[in-house]
Amino acid sequence: MRENNVQVGPEVDKYVSEHDNLARMCVLVSIDGKIAGSFAVTDPVKPEAAQVISYLHSINITSIMVTGDNWATAAACAKEVGIDKVYAETDPLGKADRIKELQWIWMQMKGMAVAMMGGGINDFPAMVAGDVGMTIGAGTDVAIEAAYSSDEEQLGRCSYSH
């Protein structure tokens, strides 16, 4: 594999893959075209996430992850919290399209609604597309915008933040 004019061998590929599988993004550092070091960064899963997903499952609510993260990172995070279905490497408009697809499937098969929970501006289109849009953390302002940016058919939306 070759990245930015730096030759990367199989041992480095293995090292990067191991970090990907642990939901860590590996950053390689090179000097004069040779790998000189690396470090891994992660956005840790919230400690209570697995408990929340378990509770949702107990009341028959299906949880599906739609994320922009790479497949390895998304799969590792989903496994950690107990989510079975993952769509990864999805851009913001792709997230909205996936929500619309899930709405059609769930409405046709089960007569159920689809909620989208996001945490930032990249989740805005999908939050608007969902039957319910929710946000966590710093995404509260985005949720408020999503609630007020909808058309007349969606005036029943509301935003709640805690």
N, C-alpha and C. Protein backbone atom coordinates (compact mmCIF):
# COMPACT_ATOMS: atom_id res chain seq x y z
N MET A 1 0.85 -1.18 0.00
CA MET A 1 0.00 0.00 0.00
C MET A 1 0.90 1.24 0.00
N ARG A 2 0.48 2.29 -0.69
CA ARG A 2 1.27 3.51 -0.78
C ARG A 2 0.38 4.68 -0.40
N GLU A 3 0.78 5.46 0.59
CA GLU A 3 0.02 6.61 1.06
C GLU A 3 0.92 7.85 1.02
N ASN A 4 0.53 8.87 0.32
CA ASN A 4 1.26 10.14 0.29
C ASN A 4 2.77 9.94 0.07
N ASN A 5 3.13 9.14 -0.94
CA ASN A 5 4.52 8.90 -1.31
C ASN A 5 5.32 8.17 -0.23
N VAL A 6 4.66 7.49 0.68
CA VAL A 6 5.34 6.70 1.70
C VAL A 6 4.99 5.25 1.46
N GLN A 7 6.00 4.41 1.34
CA GLN A 7 5.78 2.99 1.15
C GLN A 7 5.39 2.36 2.50
N VAL A 8 4.27 1.66 2.52
CA VAL A 8 3.78 1.03 3.74
C VAL A 8 3.74 -0.48 3.50
N GLY A 9 4.45 -1.21 4.34
CA GLY A 9 4.53 -2.66 4.18
C GLY A 9 3.43 -3.40 4.92
N PRO A 10 3.43 -4.73 4.79
CA PRO A 10 2.39 -5.55 5.40
C PRO A 10 2.33 -5.46 6.92
N GLU A 11 3.48 -5.27 7.57
CA GLU A 11 3.47 -5.17 9.03
C GLU A 11 2.75 -3.90 9.49
N VAL A 12 2.89 -2.83 8.74
CA VAL A 12 2.18 -1.59 9.07
C VAL A 12 0.70 -1.75 8.77
N ASP A 13 0.37 -2.39 7.65
CA ASP A 13 -1.04 -2.68 7.33
C ASP A 13 -1.69 -3.46 8.48
N LYS A 14 -0.98 -4.46 8.99
CA LYS A 14 -1.50 -5.28 10.10
C LYS A 14 -1.73 -4.42 11.33
N TYR A 15 -0.75 -3.58 11.64
CA TYR A 15 -0.85 -2.68 12.80
C TYR A 15 -2.07 -1.76 12.69
N VAL A 16 -2.25 -1.18 11.51
CA VAL A 16 -3.39 -0.29 11.28
C VAL A 16 -4.70 -1.07 11.40
N SER A 17 -4.77 -2.25 10.82
CA SER A 17 -5.98 -3.08 10.89
C SER A 17 -6.33 -3.44 12.33
N GLU A 18 -5.32 -3.76 13.13
CA GLU A 18 -5.58 -4.09 14.53
C GLU A 18 -6.23 -2.92 15.26
N HIS A 19 -5.75 -1.72 15.00
CA HIS A 19 -6.34 -0.53 15.63
C HIS A 19 -7.75 -0.28 15.08
N ASP A 20 -7.94 -0.45 13.78
CA ASP A 20 -9.29 -0.30 13.20
C ASP A 20 -10.28 -1.23 13.89
N ASN A 21 -9.88 -2.46 14.13
CA ASN A 21 -10.76 -3.44 14.75
C ASN A 21 -11.06 -3.12 16.21
N LEU A 22 -10.29 -2.22 16.81
CA LEU A 22 -10.54 -1.77 18.17
C LEU A 22 -11.19 -0.39 18.19
N ALA A 23 -11.72 0.04 17.05
CA ALA A 23 -12.39 1.34 16.89
C ALA A 23 -11.43 2.50 17.15
N ARG A 24 -10.19 2.35 16.70
CA ARG A 24 -9.19 3.41 16.83
C ARG A 24 -8.71 3.81 15.44
N MET A 25 -8.53 5.09 15.22
CA MET A 25 -7.99 5.59 13.97
C MET A 25 -6.48 5.71 14.13
N CYS A 26 -5.75 5.00 13.29
CA CYS A 26 -4.30 4.99 13.37
C CYS A 26 -3.73 6.07 12.45
N VAL A 27 -2.85 6.88 13.00
CA VAL A 27 -2.19 7.94 12.24
C VAL A 27 -0.71 7.58 12.13
N LEU A 28 -0.23 7.52 10.91
CA LEU A 28 1.17 7.19 10.67
C LEU A 28 1.97 8.47 10.46
N VAL A 29 3.18 8.49 11.00
CA VAL A 29 4.08 9.63 10.86
C VAL A 29 5.28 9.18 10.05
N SER A 30 5.63 9.98 9.03
CA SER A 30 6.79 9.61 8.21
C SER A 30 7.81 10.75 8.18
N ILE A 31 9.04 10.35 8.03
CA ILE A 31 10.14 11.31 7.87
C ILE A 31 10.94 10.83 6.67
N ASP A 32 11.12 11.72 5.70
CA ASP A 32 11.86 11.39 4.49
C ASP A 32 11.33 10.13 3.80
N GLY A 33 10.01 10.00 3.78
CA GLY A 33 9.39 8.90 3.06
C GLY A 33 9.40 7.57 3.78
N LYS A 34 9.82 7.55 5.05
CA LYS A 34 9.84 6.30 5.82
C LYS A 34 8.99 6.47 7.08
N ILE A 35 8.28 5.41 7.44
CA ILE A 35 7.46 5.44 8.64
C ILE A 35 8.37 5.62 9.85
N ALA A 36 8.09 6.66 10.65
CA ALA A 36 8.90 6.96 11.83
C ALA A 36 8.13 6.73 13.12
N GLY A 37 6.83 6.60 13.02
CA GLY A 37 6.03 6.39 14.23
C GLY A 37 4.56 6.40 13.90
N SER A 38 3.78 6.21 14.94
CA SER A 38 2.34 6.24 14.77
C SER A 38 1.66 6.52 16.10
N PHE A 39 0.41 6.87 16.03
CA PHE A 39 -0.41 6.98 17.23
C PHE A 39 -1.85 6.69 16.83
N ALA A 40 -2.62 6.29 17.80
CA ALA A 40 -4.02 5.93 17.54
C ALA A 40 -4.92 6.85 18.37
N VAL A 41 -6.00 7.28 17.76
CA VAL A 41 -6.97 8.12 18.45
C VAL A 41 -8.33 7.43 18.40
N THR A 42 -9.14 7.72 19.38
CA THR A 42 -10.46 7.12 19.44
C THR A 42 -11.46 8.09 20.03
N ASP A 43 -12.67 7.92 19.63
CA ASP A 43 -13.80 8.64 20.23
C ASP A 43 -14.52 7.57 21.04
N PRO A 44 -14.22 7.48 22.33
CA PRO A 44 -14.72 6.34 23.10
C PRO A 44 -16.25 6.28 23.15
N VAL A 45 -16.74 5.06 23.20
CA VAL A 45 -18.16 4.81 23.35
C VAL A 45 -18.56 5.23 24.75
N LYS A 46 -19.69 5.91 24.86
CA LYS A 46 -20.16 6.32 26.18
C LYS A 46 -20.41 5.09 27.04
N PRO A 47 -20.02 5.12 28.31
CA PRO A 47 -20.12 3.94 29.16
C PRO A 47 -21.54 3.36 29.27
N GLU A 48 -22.54 4.20 29.22
CA GLU A 48 -23.91 3.72 29.39
C GLU A 48 -24.57 3.29 28.07
N ALA A 49 -23.86 3.38 26.96
CA ALA A 49 -24.45 3.07 25.65
C ALA A 49 -24.95 1.63 25.56
N ALA A 50 -24.17 0.68 26.03
CA ALA A 50 -24.58 -0.73 25.96
C ALA A 50 -25.84 -0.97 26.79
N GLN A 51 -25.93 -0.31 27.92
CA GLN A 51 -27.11 -0.45 28.78
C GLN A 51 -28.35 0.12 28.08
N VAL A 52 -28.21 1.24 27.42
CA VAL A 52 -29.33 1.85 26.69
C VAL A 52 -29.79 0.93 25.56
N ILE A 53 -28.85 0.42 24.78
CA ILE A 53 -29.20 -0.47 23.67
C ILE A 53 -29.88 -1.74 24.21
N SER A 54 -29.37 -2.27 25.30
CA SER A 54 -29.98 -3.46 25.91
C SER A 54 -31.42 -3.16 26.33
N TYR A 55 -31.63 -2.00 26.92
CA TYR A 55 -32.99 -1.62 27.33
C TYR A 55 -33.90 -1.49 26.11
N LEU A 56 -33.42 -0.84 25.06
CA LEU A 56 -34.23 -0.69 23.84
C LEU A 56 -34.61 -2.06 23.29
N HIS A 57 -33.66 -2.98 23.26
CA HIS A 57 -33.95 -4.34 22.79
C HIS A 57 -35.02 -4.98 23.67
N SER A 58 -34.95 -4.75 24.99
CA SER A 58 -35.90 -5.38 25.91
C SER A 58 -37.34 -4.91 25.70
N ILE A 59 -37.49 -3.73 25.11
CA ILE A 59 -38.84 -3.22 24.81
C ILE A 59 -39.14 -3.27 23.31
N ASN A 60 -38.42 -4.17 22.64
CA ASN A 60 -38.63 -4.47 21.21
C ASN A 60 -38.40 -3.29 20.28
N ILE A 61 -37.42 -2.48 20.60
CA ILE A 61 -36.99 -1.40 19.70
C ILE A 61 -35.68 -1.83 19.06
N THR A 62 -35.66 -1.87 17.75
CA THR A 62 -34.48 -2.27 16.99
C THR A 62 -33.53 -1.08 16.86
N SER A 63 -32.27 -1.31 17.11
CA SER A 63 -31.25 -0.27 16.96
C SER A 63 -30.37 -0.60 15.77
N ILE A 64 -30.20 0.37 14.89
CA ILE A 64 -29.37 0.22 13.70
C ILE A 64 -28.40 1.39 13.68
N MET A 65 -27.13 1.12 13.39
CA MET A 65 -26.14 2.19 13.33
C MET A 65 -25.94 2.61 11.87
N VAL A 66 -26.05 3.91 11.62
CA VAL A 66 -25.73 4.50 10.32
C VAL A 66 -24.68 5.56 10.60
N THR A 67 -23.47 5.35 10.10
CA THR A 67 -22.36 6.20 10.49
C THR A 67 -21.44 6.52 9.31
N GLY A 68 -20.70 7.59 9.45
CA GLY A 68 -19.68 7.93 8.49
C GLY A 68 -18.35 7.24 8.76
N ASP A 69 -18.24 6.60 9.93
CA ASP A 69 -17.01 5.90 10.28
C ASP A 69 -16.72 4.77 9.31
N ASN A 70 -15.46 4.34 9.27
CA ASN A 70 -15.11 3.21 8.40
C ASN A 70 -15.73 1.93 8.96
N TRP A 71 -15.76 0.89 8.11
CA TRP A 71 -16.43 -0.36 8.47
C TRP A 71 -15.86 -1.00 9.72
N ALA A 72 -14.55 -1.05 9.84
CA ALA A 72 -13.93 -1.72 10.99
C ALA A 72 -14.27 -1.01 12.29
N THR A 73 -14.17 0.31 12.30
CA THR A 73 -14.49 1.09 13.49
C THR A 73 -15.96 0.96 13.84
N ALA A 74 -16.82 1.08 12.84
CA ALA A 74 -18.26 0.97 13.09
C ALA A 74 -18.62 -0.40 13.64
N ALA A 75 -18.05 -1.45 13.06
CA ALA A 75 -18.34 -2.81 13.53
C ALA A 75 -17.87 -3.01 14.96
N ALA A 76 -16.69 -2.48 15.30
CA ALA A 76 -16.18 -2.62 16.66
C ALA A 76 -17.07 -1.90 17.67
N CYS A 77 -17.50 -0.68 17.33
CA CYS A 77 -18.39 0.07 18.22
C CYS A 77 -19.73 -0.63 18.36
N ALA A 78 -20.29 -1.08 17.26
CA ALA A 78 -21.59 -1.76 17.30
C ALA A 78 -21.52 -3.02 18.15
N LYS A 79 -20.46 -3.77 17.99
CA LYS A 79 -20.29 -4.99 18.78
C LYS A 79 -20.20 -4.66 20.27
N GLU A 80 -19.48 -3.60 20.59
CA GLU A 80 -19.29 -3.21 21.99
C GLU A 80 -20.61 -2.86 22.68
N VAL A 81 -21.54 -2.25 21.94
CA VAL A 81 -22.80 -1.83 22.57
C VAL A 81 -23.97 -2.76 22.28
N GLY A 82 -23.80 -3.72 21.38
CA GLY A 82 -24.86 -4.68 21.12
C GLY A 82 -25.77 -4.36 19.95
N ILE A 83 -25.28 -3.59 19.00
CA ILE A 83 -26.05 -3.29 17.79
C ILE A 83 -25.67 -4.30 16.71
N ASP A 84 -26.69 -4.94 16.11
CA ASP A 84 -26.43 -6.00 15.14
C ASP A 84 -26.29 -5.51 13.71
N LYS A 85 -27.01 -4.48 13.33
CA LYS A 85 -27.03 -4.02 11.93
C LYS A 85 -26.30 -2.68 11.83
N VAL A 86 -25.33 -2.62 10.89
CA VAL A 86 -24.50 -1.42 10.74
C VAL A 86 -24.43 -1.02 9.27
N TYR A 87 -24.56 0.27 9.02
CA TYR A 87 -24.28 0.87 7.71
C TYR A 87 -23.17 1.88 7.96
N ALA A 88 -22.00 1.66 7.37
CA ALA A 88 -20.84 2.51 7.63
C ALA A 88 -20.42 3.25 6.37
N GLU A 89 -19.46 4.16 6.55
CA GLU A 89 -18.90 4.96 5.47
C GLU A 89 -20.01 5.67 4.69
N THR A 90 -20.95 6.23 5.43
CA THR A 90 -22.12 6.87 4.84
C THR A 90 -22.03 8.38 5.05
N ASP A 91 -22.14 9.14 3.96
CA ASP A 91 -22.09 10.60 4.08
C ASP A 91 -23.44 11.12 4.58
N PRO A 92 -23.52 12.41 4.95
CA PRO A 92 -24.77 12.94 5.52
C PRO A 92 -26.01 12.72 4.65
N LEU A 93 -25.92 12.93 3.36
CA LEU A 93 -27.10 12.71 2.51
C LEU A 93 -27.41 11.22 2.38
N GLY A 94 -26.37 10.39 2.40
CA GLY A 94 -26.56 8.94 2.39
C GLY A 94 -27.26 8.46 3.65
N LYS A 95 -26.97 9.12 4.79
CA LYS A 95 -27.66 8.79 6.03
C LYS A 95 -29.15 9.08 5.90
N ALA A 96 -29.48 10.23 5.33
CA ALA A 96 -30.89 10.59 5.13
C ALA A 96 -31.57 9.59 4.21
N ASP A 97 -30.89 9.20 3.14
CA ASP A 97 -31.45 8.20 2.22
C ASP A 97 -31.68 6.87 2.93
N ARG A 98 -30.74 6.47 3.78
CA ARG A 98 -30.88 5.21 4.52
C ARG A 98 -32.09 5.28 5.46
N ILE A 99 -32.27 6.43 6.12
CA ILE A 99 -33.42 6.60 7.02
C ILE A 99 -34.72 6.48 6.23
N LYS A 100 -34.78 7.11 5.06
CA LYS A 100 -35.98 7.02 4.21
C LYS A 100 -36.24 5.58 3.78
N GLU A 101 -35.18 4.86 3.44
CA GLU A 101 -35.32 3.45 3.06
C GLU A 101 -35.84 2.62 4.24
N LEU A 102 -35.28 2.86 5.42
CA LEU A 102 -35.74 2.14 6.61
C LEU A 102 -37.19 2.48 6.93
N GLN A 103 -37.58 3.73 6.75
CA GLN A 103 -38.97 4.13 6.98
C GLN A 103 -39.90 3.33 6.08
N TRP A 104 -39.54 3.22 4.82
CA TRP A 104 -40.39 2.50 3.87
C TRP A 104 -40.49 1.03 4.28
N ILE A 105 -39.36 0.42 4.60
CA ILE A 105 -39.35 -0.99 4.99
C ILE A 105 -40.16 -1.22 6.26
N TRP A 106 -39.90 -0.42 7.28
CA TRP A 106 -40.58 -0.62 8.57
C TRP A 106 -42.06 -0.30 8.48
N MET A 107 -42.42 0.69 7.70
CA MET A 107 -43.83 1.04 7.56
C MET A 107 -44.56 -0.06 6.81
N GLN A 108 -43.95 -0.58 5.75
CA GLN A 108 -44.58 -1.63 4.96
C GLN A 108 -44.70 -2.93 5.75
N MET A 109 -43.66 -3.28 6.45
CA MET A 109 -43.63 -4.58 7.13
C MET A 109 -44.30 -4.57 8.50
N LYS A 110 -44.15 -3.48 9.22
CA LYS A 110 -44.57 -3.51 10.61
C LYS A 110 -45.42 -2.32 11.04
N GLY A 111 -45.59 -1.33 10.17
CA GLY A 111 -46.35 -0.14 10.55
C GLY A 111 -45.68 0.67 11.64
N MET A 112 -44.36 0.70 11.64
CA MET A 112 -43.61 1.38 12.70
C MET A 112 -42.89 2.61 12.17
N ALA A 113 -42.54 3.49 13.09
CA ALA A 113 -41.82 4.71 12.78
C ALA A 113 -40.31 4.49 12.92
N VAL A 114 -39.54 5.38 12.32
CA VAL A 114 -38.08 5.34 12.41
C VAL A 114 -37.61 6.64 13.04
N ALA A 115 -36.86 6.51 14.12
CA ALA A 115 -36.26 7.67 14.79
C ALA A 115 -34.78 7.72 14.42
N MET A 116 -34.25 8.92 14.30
CA MET A 116 -32.82 9.10 14.03
C MET A 116 -32.23 9.88 15.19
N MET A 117 -31.21 9.30 15.81
CA MET A 117 -30.49 9.99 16.87
C MET A 117 -29.12 10.33 16.36
N GLY A 118 -28.74 11.59 16.46
CA GLY A 118 -27.44 12.03 15.98
C GLY A 118 -26.73 12.89 16.99
N GLY A 119 -25.52 13.25 16.67
CA GLY A 119 -24.74 14.03 17.61
C GLY A 119 -24.05 15.23 16.99
N GLY A 120 -24.36 15.56 15.75
CA GLY A 120 -23.67 16.69 15.14
C GLY A 120 -24.30 17.12 13.83
N ILE A 121 -23.70 18.11 13.22
CA ILE A 121 -24.23 18.72 12.02
C ILE A 121 -24.31 17.72 10.87
N ASN A 122 -23.42 16.73 10.83
CA ASN A 122 -23.45 15.76 9.74
C ASN A 122 -24.67 14.83 9.83
N ASP A 123 -25.36 14.85 10.96
CA ASP A 123 -26.55 14.03 11.13
C ASP A 123 -27.84 14.80 10.83
N PHE A 124 -27.72 16.09 10.58
CA PHE A 124 -28.88 16.96 10.36
C PHE A 124 -29.83 16.44 9.28
N PRO A 125 -29.35 16.11 8.06
CA PRO A 125 -30.29 15.64 7.03
C PRO A 125 -31.05 14.38 7.45
N ALA A 126 -30.38 13.47 8.12
CA ALA A 126 -31.04 12.23 8.55
C ALA A 126 -32.03 12.48 9.67
N MET A 127 -31.71 13.42 10.56
CA MET A 127 -32.64 13.75 11.65
C MET A 127 -33.91 14.35 11.09
N VAL A 128 -33.78 15.18 10.08
CA VAL A 128 -34.96 15.77 9.43
C VAL A 128 -35.76 14.69 8.71
N ALA A 129 -35.08 13.73 8.11
CA ALA A 129 -35.75 12.67 7.35
C ALA A 129 -36.51 11.71 8.25
N GLY A 130 -36.04 11.50 9.48
CA GLY A 130 -36.68 10.54 10.37
C GLY A 130 -38.07 10.97 10.80
N ASP A 131 -38.88 9.99 11.21
CA ASP A 131 -40.18 10.32 11.79
C ASP A 131 -39.99 11.07 13.09
N VAL A 132 -38.92 10.76 13.78
CA VAL A 132 -38.53 11.45 15.02
C VAL A 132 -37.04 11.72 14.91
N GLY A 133 -36.62 12.93 15.23
CA GLY A 133 -35.20 13.28 15.24
C GLY A 133 -34.77 13.60 16.66
N MET A 134 -33.72 12.95 17.13
CA MET A 134 -33.21 13.18 18.48
C MET A 134 -31.72 13.45 18.40
N THR A 135 -31.21 14.11 19.43
CA THR A 135 -29.78 14.38 19.44
C THR A 135 -29.22 14.23 20.84
N ILE A 136 -27.92 14.08 20.88
CA ILE A 136 -27.22 13.95 22.15
C ILE A 136 -26.07 14.94 22.17
N GLY A 137 -25.62 15.29 23.36
CA GLY A 137 -24.44 16.11 23.52
C GLY A 137 -24.52 17.44 22.80
N ALA A 138 -23.47 17.75 22.06
CA ALA A 138 -23.33 19.05 21.40
C ALA A 138 -24.28 19.23 20.23
N GLY A 139 -25.04 18.21 19.88
CA GLY A 139 -25.94 18.31 18.75
C GLY A 139 -27.27 18.96 19.04
N THR A 140 -27.45 19.48 20.26
CA THR A 140 -28.74 20.06 20.64
C THR A 140 -29.17 21.18 19.70
N ASP A 141 -28.28 22.08 19.34
CA ASP A 141 -28.63 23.16 18.42
C ASP A 141 -29.07 22.63 17.07
N VAL A 142 -28.45 21.53 16.63
CA VAL A 142 -28.83 20.90 15.37
C VAL A 142 -30.26 20.35 15.48
N ALA A 143 -30.58 19.75 16.61
CA ALA A 143 -31.93 19.20 16.81
C ALA A 143 -32.98 20.30 16.76
N ILE A 144 -32.67 21.43 17.35
CA ILE A 144 -33.61 22.55 17.33
C ILE A 144 -33.81 23.02 15.90
N GLU A 145 -32.72 23.14 15.14
CA GLU A 145 -32.83 23.52 13.73
C GLU A 145 -33.65 22.50 12.95
N ALA A 146 -33.41 21.22 13.20
CA ALA A 146 -34.15 20.17 12.49
C ALA A 146 -35.63 20.29 12.78
N ALA A 147 -35.97 20.63 14.00
CA ALA A 147 -37.38 20.74 14.37
C ALA A 147 -38.06 21.89 13.65
N TYR A 148 -37.33 22.97 13.40
CA TYR A 148 -37.94 24.15 12.79
C TYR A 148 -37.69 24.29 11.29
N SER A 149 -36.95 23.37 10.70
CA SER A 149 -36.62 23.52 9.28
C SER A 149 -37.51 22.66 8.40
N SER A 150 -38.47 22.02 8.97
CA SER A 150 -39.29 21.08 8.20
C SER A 150 -40.44 21.78 7.49
N ASP A 151 -41.07 21.05 6.57
CA ASP A 151 -42.19 21.62 5.83
C ASP A 151 -43.50 21.42 6.57
N GLU A 152 -44.62 21.85 5.98
CA GLU A 152 -45.91 21.81 6.65
C GLU A 152 -46.34 20.42 7.06
N GLU A 153 -45.96 19.40 6.30
CA GLU A 153 -46.33 18.03 6.64
C GLU A 153 -45.64 17.56 7.91
N GLN A 154 -44.59 18.23 8.27
CA GLN A 154 -43.79 17.78 9.42
C GLN A 154 -43.90 18.74 10.59
N LEU A 155 -44.95 19.52 10.67
CA LEU A 155 -45.06 20.51 11.74
C LEU A 155 -45.23 19.88 13.11
N GLY A 156 -45.53 18.62 13.16
CA GLY A 156 -45.69 17.96 14.44
C GLY A 156 -44.37 17.65 15.13
N ARG A 157 -43.27 17.93 14.49
CA ARG A 157 -41.97 17.64 15.10
C ARG A 157 -41.71 18.53 16.30
N CYS A 158 -40.94 17.99 17.21
CA CYS A 158 -40.49 18.81 18.32
C CYS A 158 -39.06 18.43 18.66
N SER A 159 -38.42 19.22 19.44
CA SER A 159 -37.05 18.97 19.83
C SER A 159 -36.97 18.99 21.34
N TYR A 160 -36.30 18.02 21.90
CA TYR A 160 -36.10 17.97 23.33
C TYR A 160 -34.62 17.75 23.58
N SER A 161 -34.06 18.50 24.49
CA SER A 161 -32.66 18.28 24.84
C SER A 161 -32.53 18.22 26.35
N HIS A 162 -31.55 17.47 26.76
CA HIS A 162 -31.31 17.31 28.20
C HIS A 162 -29.85 17.53 28.49
